[in-house]
């Protein structure tokens, strides 16, 4: 089922907002304890968040091309 223009634009906005939020988690003032149970896992967690943010941005870009 095709997305309407308005829904597509809002989905792009949601994807981009989620990606920005994920990327800002490390610098957003959250302590390592708030992000992961084991502080030793923080670096890996941040790496995974960055990968997810990149995927969300790619999804938004793909939808943007179809407009």
N, C-alpha and C. Protein backbone atom coordinates (compact mmCIF):
# COMPACT_ATOMS: atom_id res chain seq x y z
N UNK A 1 0.84 -1.18 0.00
CA UNK A 1 0.00 0.00 0.00
C UNK A 1 0.89 1.25 0.00
N UNK A 2 0.63 2.13 -0.91
CA UNK A 2 1.44 3.34 -1.03
C UNK A 2 1.11 4.33 0.08
N UNK A 3 2.13 5.05 0.51
CA UNK A 3 1.93 6.09 1.52
C UNK A 3 1.45 7.37 0.85
N UNK A 4 0.54 8.07 1.52
CA UNK A 4 0.15 9.39 1.05
C UNK A 4 1.29 10.36 1.26
N UNK A 5 1.25 11.47 0.59
CA UNK A 5 2.34 12.46 0.67
C UNK A 5 2.54 12.94 2.11
N UNK A 6 1.46 13.28 2.78
CA UNK A 6 1.56 13.79 4.15
C UNK A 6 2.15 12.73 5.08
N UNK A 7 1.65 11.49 4.98
CA UNK A 7 2.16 10.42 5.83
C UNK A 7 3.63 10.15 5.53
N UNK A 8 4.01 10.17 4.27
CA UNK A 8 5.41 9.94 3.88
C UNK A 8 6.30 11.03 4.48
N UNK A 9 5.88 12.28 4.39
CA UNK A 9 6.67 13.38 4.95
C UNK A 9 6.81 13.25 6.46
N UNK A 10 5.72 12.86 7.13
CA UNK A 10 5.79 12.70 8.58
C UNK A 10 6.63 11.49 8.98
N UNK A 11 6.59 10.44 8.18
CA UNK A 11 7.44 9.28 8.46
C UNK A 11 8.91 9.65 8.30
N UNK A 12 9.23 10.40 7.27
CA UNK A 12 10.61 10.87 7.08
C UNK A 12 11.04 11.70 8.27
N UNK A 13 10.18 12.60 8.69
CA UNK A 13 10.48 13.45 9.85
C UNK A 13 10.69 12.59 11.11
N UNK A 14 9.85 11.60 11.30
CA UNK A 14 9.98 10.72 12.48
C UNK A 14 11.29 9.94 12.43
N UNK A 15 11.65 9.42 11.28
CA UNK A 15 12.90 8.67 11.14
C UNK A 15 14.11 9.57 11.41
N UNK A 16 14.09 10.77 10.85
CA UNK A 16 15.20 11.70 11.05
C UNK A 16 15.29 12.15 12.51
N UNK A 17 14.15 12.38 13.13
CA UNK A 17 14.14 12.79 14.53
C UNK A 17 14.67 11.68 15.42
N UNK A 18 14.25 10.45 15.15
CA UNK A 18 14.73 9.31 15.94
C UNK A 18 16.24 9.14 15.77
N UNK A 19 16.73 9.28 14.56
CA UNK A 19 18.18 9.17 14.32
C UNK A 19 18.95 10.24 15.07
N UNK A 20 18.44 11.47 15.05
CA UNK A 20 19.12 12.56 15.76
C UNK A 20 19.11 12.31 17.26
N UNK A 21 17.99 11.82 17.76
CA UNK A 21 17.87 11.54 19.19
C UNK A 21 18.87 10.45 19.60
N UNK A 22 18.94 9.40 18.81
CA UNK A 22 19.87 8.31 19.12
C UNK A 22 21.31 8.81 19.10
N UNK A 23 21.65 9.62 18.09
CA UNK A 23 23.02 10.13 18.00
C UNK A 23 23.37 11.07 19.14
N UNK A 24 22.37 11.74 19.70
CA UNK A 24 22.64 12.70 20.76
C UNK A 24 22.64 12.07 22.16
N UNK A 25 22.33 10.81 22.27
CA UNK A 25 22.24 10.17 23.59
C UNK A 25 23.54 10.25 24.36
N UNK A 26 24.65 10.04 23.69
CA UNK A 26 25.94 10.05 24.37
C UNK A 26 26.26 11.43 24.93
N UNK A 27 25.92 12.46 24.18
CA UNK A 27 26.24 13.81 24.62
C UNK A 27 25.06 14.50 25.30
N UNK A 28 23.97 13.80 25.45
CA UNK A 28 22.75 14.39 25.98
C UNK A 28 22.67 14.47 27.48
N UNK A 29 23.74 14.14 28.18
CA UNK A 29 23.74 14.28 29.62
C UNK A 29 23.33 13.02 30.37
N UNK A 30 23.00 11.95 29.66
CA UNK A 30 22.66 10.70 30.33
C UNK A 30 23.94 10.04 30.83
N UNK A 31 23.86 9.49 32.01
CA UNK A 31 25.02 8.79 32.56
C UNK A 31 25.10 7.39 31.96
N UNK A 32 26.28 6.80 31.97
CA UNK A 32 26.41 5.44 31.45
C UNK A 32 25.44 4.47 32.13
N UNK A 33 25.19 4.67 33.41
CA UNK A 33 24.29 3.78 34.15
C UNK A 33 22.85 3.88 33.64
N UNK A 34 22.50 5.04 33.11
CA UNK A 34 21.16 5.21 32.56
C UNK A 34 21.02 4.56 31.19
N UNK A 35 22.13 4.38 30.50
CA UNK A 35 22.09 3.84 29.16
C UNK A 35 22.28 2.33 29.12
N UNK A 36 23.16 1.81 29.94
CA UNK A 36 23.44 0.36 29.95
C UNK A 36 23.59 -0.12 31.38
N UNK A 37 23.33 -1.41 31.60
CA UNK A 37 23.48 -1.96 32.94
C UNK A 37 24.95 -2.05 33.36
N UNK A 38 25.79 -2.44 32.42
CA UNK A 38 27.21 -2.60 32.70
C UNK A 38 27.98 -1.48 31.98
N UNK A 39 28.60 -0.57 32.73
CA UNK A 39 29.34 0.54 32.09
C UNK A 39 30.40 0.09 31.09
N UNK A 40 30.90 -1.13 31.25
CA UNK A 40 31.89 -1.65 30.29
C UNK A 40 31.27 -1.85 28.91
N UNK A 41 29.96 -1.93 28.84
CA UNK A 41 29.26 -2.13 27.57
C UNK A 41 28.92 -0.83 26.86
N UNK A 42 29.26 0.30 27.46
CA UNK A 42 28.85 1.59 26.92
C UNK A 42 29.37 1.82 25.50
N UNK A 43 30.64 1.55 25.26
CA UNK A 43 31.22 1.80 23.94
C UNK A 43 30.50 0.97 22.87
N UNK A 44 30.26 -0.30 23.15
CA UNK A 44 29.56 -1.16 22.21
C UNK A 44 28.13 -0.67 22.00
N UNK A 45 27.48 -0.26 23.08
CA UNK A 45 26.11 0.26 22.99
C UNK A 45 26.07 1.49 22.09
N UNK A 46 27.00 2.40 22.26
CA UNK A 46 27.06 3.61 21.44
C UNK A 46 27.30 3.26 19.98
N UNK A 47 28.17 2.30 19.72
CA UNK A 47 28.42 1.85 18.35
C UNK A 47 27.13 1.32 17.71
N UNK A 48 26.40 0.51 18.46
CA UNK A 48 25.15 -0.06 17.95
C UNK A 48 24.11 1.05 17.72
N UNK A 49 24.08 2.03 18.58
CA UNK A 49 23.16 3.16 18.41
C UNK A 49 23.50 3.93 17.15
N UNK A 50 24.79 4.13 16.90
CA UNK A 50 25.20 4.85 15.70
C UNK A 50 24.82 4.07 14.44
N UNK A 51 24.98 2.76 14.47
CA UNK A 51 24.58 1.94 13.33
C UNK A 51 23.07 2.04 13.09
N UNK A 52 22.30 1.98 14.17
CA UNK A 52 20.85 2.09 14.05
C UNK A 52 20.46 3.46 13.50
N UNK A 53 21.09 4.51 14.00
CA UNK A 53 20.80 5.86 13.50
C UNK A 53 21.11 5.96 12.01
N UNK A 54 22.21 5.36 11.59
CA UNK A 54 22.56 5.37 10.16
C UNK A 54 21.49 4.66 9.33
N UNK A 55 20.98 3.54 9.85
CA UNK A 55 19.92 2.81 9.15
C UNK A 55 18.65 3.64 9.06
N UNK A 56 18.30 4.31 10.14
CA UNK A 56 17.11 5.16 10.13
C UNK A 56 17.26 6.30 9.13
N UNK A 57 18.44 6.91 9.08
CA UNK A 57 18.68 7.97 8.12
C UNK A 57 18.60 7.45 6.68
N UNK A 58 19.09 6.24 6.46
CA UNK A 58 19.01 5.65 5.12
C UNK A 58 17.56 5.39 4.73
N UNK A 59 16.76 4.94 5.69
CA UNK A 59 15.34 4.73 5.43
C UNK A 59 14.65 6.04 5.07
N UNK A 60 14.97 7.10 5.81
CA UNK A 60 14.38 8.41 5.52
C UNK A 60 14.80 8.91 4.15
N UNK A 61 16.07 8.70 3.82
CA UNK A 61 16.57 9.13 2.52
C UNK A 61 15.87 8.37 1.39
N UNK A 62 15.67 7.09 1.59
CA UNK A 62 15.00 6.27 0.58
C UNK A 62 13.57 6.76 0.36
N UNK A 63 12.88 7.10 1.45
CA UNK A 63 11.52 7.63 1.32
C UNK A 63 11.52 9.00 0.66
N UNK A 64 12.54 9.80 0.96
CA UNK A 64 12.63 11.15 0.40
C UNK A 64 12.76 11.09 -1.11
N UNK A 65 13.48 10.12 -1.61
CA UNK A 65 13.69 9.97 -3.05
C UNK A 65 12.37 9.72 -3.77
N UNK A 66 11.45 9.06 -3.09
CA UNK A 66 10.17 8.70 -3.72
C UNK A 66 9.18 9.85 -3.76
N UNK A 67 9.49 10.96 -3.12
CA UNK A 67 8.55 12.11 -3.14
C UNK A 67 8.66 12.85 -4.44
